[in-house]
Amino acid sequence: MKALLNNERDLAALVLRLGFGFFIVFGHGLGKLQMLFGGGEIMFPGLFGLSPTISLVMAVGAEFFAGLLVMLGFKTRLASLPIIATMAVAAFIIHFSDPLFSGGGAAKEPALLFLLGFVGTFLLGSGKYSVDALLSKK
């Protein structure tokens, strides 16, 4: 029974990593990466006294690059931290005045869902179906 429970935990870690990682990378990070290197005007909020470009670079680092690391299961806990921070900023600063749920417009809901999902990846770690597990066997 204990082996079955351990396997379920590893499968849950895999599903969370691949699911949330895929959607943050390709649903959010890739678009920001294209905006960063697209050559056009950067339409992104500057936060905490940082320029819009620096804020965008930080968001790309979290949503695209850290998201890829989470998907691969490489340093999952460490890679989850910048995504958690980015989603907290998105939910509680960028979308502060937006409603909780979307009625067809901006809302806190997506950022909060990603925040919860990546808190889950942080707590579960990589699991045995990951790059981390492959590297630890060597």
C-alpha atoms as a PDB file:
ATOM      1  CA  MET A   1       0.000   0.000   0.000  1.00  0.00           C
ATOM      2  CA  LYS A   2       2.827   2.402   0.846  1.00  0.00           C
ATOM      3  CA  ALA A   3       4.452   1.914  -2.596  1.00  0.00           C
ATOM      4  CA  LEU A   4       1.127   2.731  -4.244  1.00  0.00           C
ATOM      5  CA  LEU A   5       0.824   5.955  -2.219  1.00  0.00           C
ATOM      6  CA  ASN A   6       4.382   6.970  -3.134  1.00  0.00           C
ATOM      7  CA  ASN A   7       3.633   6.335  -6.798  1.00  0.00           C
ATOM      8  CA  GLU A   8       0.462   8.436  -6.589  1.00  0.00           C
ATOM      9  CA  ARG A   9       2.464  11.305  -5.100  1.00  0.00           C
ATOM     10  CA  ASP A  10       4.977  11.076  -7.952  1.00  0.00           C
ATOM     11  CA  LEU A  11       2.190  10.943 -10.533  1.00  0.00           C
ATOM     12  CA  ALA A  12       0.514  13.954  -8.896  1.00  0.00           C
ATOM     13  CA  ALA A  13       3.822  15.841  -9.037  1.00  0.00           C
ATOM     14  CA  LEU A  14       4.181  14.937 -12.726  1.00  0.00           C
ATOM     15  CA  VAL A  15       0.632  16.018 -13.597  1.00  0.00           C
ATOM     16  CA  LEU A  16       1.002  19.329 -11.736  1.00  0.00           C
ATOM     17  CA  ARG A  17       4.425  20.035 -13.228  1.00  0.00           C
ATOM     18  CA  LEU A  18       3.424  19.246 -16.809  1.00  0.00           C
ATOM     19  CA  GLY A  19      -0.022  20.807 -16.628  1.00  0.00           C
ATOM     20  CA  PHE A  20       0.745  24.076 -14.889  1.00  0.00           C
ATOM     21  CA  GLY A  21       4.166  24.292 -16.520  1.00  0.00           C
ATOM     22  CA  PHE A  22       2.729  23.895 -20.023  1.00  0.00           C
ATOM     23  CA  PHE A  23       0.075  26.558 -19.526  1.00  0.00           C
ATOM     24  CA  ILE A  24       2.393  29.094 -17.896  1.00  0.00           C
ATOM     25  CA  VAL A  25       5.101  28.591 -20.556  1.00  0.00           C
ATOM     26  CA  PHE A  26       2.944  28.516 -23.681  1.00  0.00           C
ATOM     27  CA  GLY A  27      -0.076  30.472 -22.469  1.00  0.00           C
ATOM     28  CA  HIS A  28       1.784  33.345 -20.830  1.00  0.00           C
ATOM     29  CA  GLY A  29       5.573  33.165 -21.014  1.00  0.00           C
ATOM     30  CA  LEU A  30       5.949  32.611 -24.755  1.00  0.00           C
ATOM     31  CA  GLY A  31       3.846  35.666 -25.590  1.00  0.00           C
ATOM     32  CA  LYS A  32       5.919  37.793 -23.240  1.00  0.00           C
ATOM     33  CA  LEU A  33       9.138  36.378 -24.728  1.00  0.00           C
ATOM     34  CA  GLN A  34       7.889  37.317 -28.203  1.00  0.00           C
ATOM     35  CA  MET A  35       6.999  40.802 -26.937  1.00  0.00           C
ATOM     36  CA  LEU A  36      10.490  41.171 -25.482  1.00  0.00           C
ATOM     37  CA  PHE A  37      12.275  40.219 -28.700  1.00  0.00           C
ATOM     38  CA  GLY A  38       9.650  41.410 -31.185  1.00  0.00           C
ATOM     39  CA  GLY A  39      11.262  44.791 -31.693  1.00  0.00           C
ATOM     40  CA  GLY A  40       8.075  46.751 -31.098  1.00  0.00           C
ATOM     41  CA  GLU A  41       7.084  48.968 -28.218  1.00  0.00           C
ATOM     42  CA  ILE A  42       7.007  47.121 -24.904  1.00  0.00           C
ATOM     43  CA  MET A  43       3.538  47.372 -23.432  1.00  0.00           C
ATOM     44  CA  PHE A  44       4.126  46.054 -19.942  1.00  0.00           C
ATOM     45  CA  PRO A  45       3.726  47.660 -16.520  1.00  0.00           C
ATOM     46  CA  GLY A  46       6.849  48.838 -14.745  1.00  0.00           C
ATOM     47  CA  LEU A  47       6.666  47.719 -11.134  1.00  0.00           C
ATOM     48  CA  PHE A  48       8.485  48.592  -7.922  1.00  0.00           C
ATOM     49  CA  GLY A  49      10.327  51.448  -9.621  1.00  0.00           C
ATOM     50  CA  LEU A  50      11.640  49.181 -12.391  1.00  0.00           C
ATOM     51  CA  SER A  51      11.283  50.002 -16.068  1.00  0.00           C
ATOM     52  CA  PRO A  52       8.694  48.133 -18.139  1.00  0.00           C
ATOM     53  CA  THR A  53      11.538  46.322 -19.935  1.00  0.00           C
ATOM     54  CA  ILE A  54      13.111  45.064 -16.703  1.00  0.00           C
ATOM     55  CA  SER A  55       9.688  44.025 -15.372  1.00  0.00           C
ATOM     56  CA  LEU A  56       9.044  42.145 -18.625  1.00  0.00           C
ATOM     57  CA  VAL A  57      12.447  40.423 -18.491  1.00  0.00           C
ATOM     58  CA  MET A  58      11.667  39.248 -14.951  1.00  0.00           C
ATOM     59  CA  ALA A  59       8.228  37.977 -15.993  1.00  0.00           C
ATOM     60  CA  VAL A  60       9.757  36.127 -18.976  1.00  0.00           C
ATOM     61  CA  GLY A  61      12.376  34.599 -16.693  1.00  0.00           C
ATOM     62  CA  ALA A  62       9.686  33.330 -14.359  1.00  0.00           C
ATOM     63  CA  GLU A  63       6.897  32.363 -16.737  1.00  0.00           C
ATOM     64  CA  PHE A  64       8.930  31.013 -19.649  1.00  0.00           C
ATOM     65  CA  PHE A  65      12.303  29.820 -18.383  1.00  0.00           C
ATOM     66  CA  ALA A  66      11.378  28.778 -14.832  1.00  0.00           C
ATOM     67  CA  GLY A  67       8.185  27.263 -16.260  1.00  0.00           C
ATOM     68  CA  LEU A  68      10.273  25.087 -18.600  1.00  0.00           C
ATOM     69  CA  LEU A  69      12.394  23.953 -15.646  1.00  0.00           C
ATOM     70  CA  VAL A  70       9.269  22.998 -13.716  1.00  0.00           C
ATOM     71  CA  MET A  71       7.931  21.040 -16.699  1.00  0.00           C
ATOM     72  CA  LEU A  72      11.204  19.124 -16.950  1.00  0.00           C
ATOM     73  CA  GLY A  73      11.340  18.537 -13.219  1.00  0.00           C
ATOM     74  CA  PHE A  74      14.733  20.203 -12.901  1.00  0.00           C
ATOM     75  CA  LYS A  75      15.191  22.083  -9.622  1.00  0.00           C
ATOM     76  CA  THR A  76      11.391  22.189  -9.377  1.00  0.00           C
ATOM     77  CA  ARG A  77      11.157  23.740  -5.939  1.00  0.00           C
ATOM     78  CA  LEU A  78      13.671  26.460  -6.768  1.00  0.00           C
ATOM     79  CA  ALA A  79      12.114  27.083 -10.209  1.00  0.00           C
ATOM     80  CA  SER A  80       8.631  27.369  -8.664  1.00  0.00           C
ATOM     81  CA  LEU A  81       9.638  30.312  -6.462  1.00  0.00           C
ATOM     82  CA  PRO A  82       9.908  33.018  -9.168  1.00  0.00           C
ATOM     83  CA  ILE A  83       6.619  31.850 -10.669  1.00  0.00           C
ATOM     84  CA  ILE A  84       4.935  32.007  -7.263  1.00  0.00           C
ATOM     85  CA  ALA A  85       6.281  35.531  -6.756  1.00  0.00           C
ATOM     86  CA  THR A  86       5.205  36.623 -10.249  1.00  0.00           C
ATOM     87  CA  MET A  87       1.692  35.257  -9.787  1.00  0.00           C
ATOM     88  CA  ALA A  88       1.394  36.910  -6.367  1.00  0.00           C
ATOM     89  CA  VAL A  89       2.331  40.248  -7.973  1.00  0.00           C
ATOM     90  CA  ALA A  90      -0.115  39.609 -10.813  1.00  0.00           C
ATOM     91  CA  ALA A  91      -2.977  38.723  -8.463  1.00  0.00           C
ATOM     92  CA  PHE A  92      -2.443  41.239  -5.676  1.00  0.00           C
ATOM     93  CA  ILE A  93      -0.894  44.219  -7.496  1.00  0.00           C
ATOM     94  CA  ILE A  94      -1.606  44.130 -11.251  1.00  0.00           C
ATOM     95  CA  HIS A  95      -5.145  42.771 -10.886  1.00  0.00           C
ATOM     96  CA  PHE A  96      -5.826  44.272  -7.457  1.00  0.00           C
ATOM     97  CA  SER A  97      -8.890  46.216  -8.578  1.00  0.00           C
ATOM     98  CA  ASP A  98     -10.146  43.523 -10.963  1.00  0.00           C
ATOM     99  CA  PRO A  99     -12.943  41.167  -9.927  1.00  0.00           C
ATOM    100  CA  LEU A 100     -12.096  37.723  -8.606  1.00  0.00           C
ATOM    101  CA  PHE A 101     -13.774  35.931 -11.516  1.00  0.00           C
ATOM    102  CA  SER A 102     -13.720  36.917 -15.166  1.00  0.00           C
ATOM    103  CA  GLY A 103     -16.878  38.116 -16.812  1.00  0.00           C
ATOM    104  CA  GLY A 104     -15.054  38.312 -20.120  1.00  0.00           C
ATOM    105  CA  GLY A 105     -12.417  40.777 -18.918  1.00  0.00           C
ATOM    106  CA  ALA A 106      -9.420  40.914 -16.622  1.00  0.00           C
ATOM    107  CA  ALA A 107      -9.670  39.074 -13.307  1.00  0.00           C
ATOM    108  CA  LYS A 108      -7.592  37.763 -10.409  1.00  0.00           C
ATOM    109  CA  GLU A 109      -8.681  34.179 -11.016  1.00  0.00           C
ATOM    110  CA  PRO A 110      -5.983  33.009 -13.522  1.00  0.00           C
ATOM    111  CA  ALA A 111      -3.115  34.429 -11.458  1.00  0.00           C
ATOM    112  CA  LEU A 112      -4.518  32.850  -8.279  1.00  0.00           C
ATOM    113  CA  LEU A 113      -4.937  29.470  -9.987  1.00  0.00           C
ATOM    114  CA  PHE A 114      -1.342  29.554 -11.190  1.00  0.00           C
ATOM    115  CA  LEU A 115      -0.206  30.695  -7.748  1.00  0.00           C
ATOM    116  CA  LEU A 116      -1.930  27.719  -6.110  1.00  0.00           C
ATOM    117  CA  GLY A 117      -0.661  25.279  -8.741  1.00  0.00           C
ATOM    118  CA  PHE A 118       2.951  26.357  -8.339  1.00  0.00           C
ATOM    119  CA  VAL A 119       2.672  26.305  -4.556  1.00  0.00           C
ATOM    120  CA  GLY A 120       1.684  22.675  -5.162  1.00  0.00           C
ATOM    121  CA  THR A 121       4.751  22.022  -7.320  1.00  0.00           C
ATOM    122  CA  PHE A 122       6.901  23.702  -4.682  1.00  0.00           C
ATOM    123  CA  LEU A 123       5.491  21.498  -1.902  1.00  0.00           C
ATOM    124  CA  LEU A 124       5.580  18.236  -3.894  1.00  0.00           C
ATOM    125  CA  GLY A 125       8.929  18.763  -5.587  1.00  0.00           C
ATOM    126  CA  SER A 126       9.990  16.995  -8.765  1.00  0.00           C
ATOM    127  CA  GLY A 127       8.972  13.428  -8.014  1.00  0.00           C
ATOM    128  CA  LYS A 128      10.553  10.341  -9.536  1.00  0.00           C
ATOM    129  CA  TYR A 129       9.398  11.145 -13.088  1.00  0.00           C
ATOM    130  CA  SER A 130      11.749  14.090 -13.537  1.00  0.00           C
ATOM    131  CA  VAL A 131      15.201  15.225 -14.617  1.00  0.00           C
ATOM    132  CA  ASP A 132      16.095  15.628 -10.952  1.00  0.00           C
ATOM    133  CA  ALA A 133      15.335  11.948 -10.332  1.00  0.00           C
ATOM    134  CA  LEU A 134      17.420  10.910 -13.363  1.00  0.00           C
ATOM    135  CA  LEU A 135      20.367  12.994 -12.212  1.00  0.00           C
ATOM    136  CA  SER A 136      20.218  11.692  -8.650  1.00  0.00           C
ATOM    137  CA  LYS A 137      20.561   8.083  -9.898  1.00  0.00           C
ATOM    138  CA  LYS A 138      23.985   8.793 -11.398  1.00  0.00           C
END
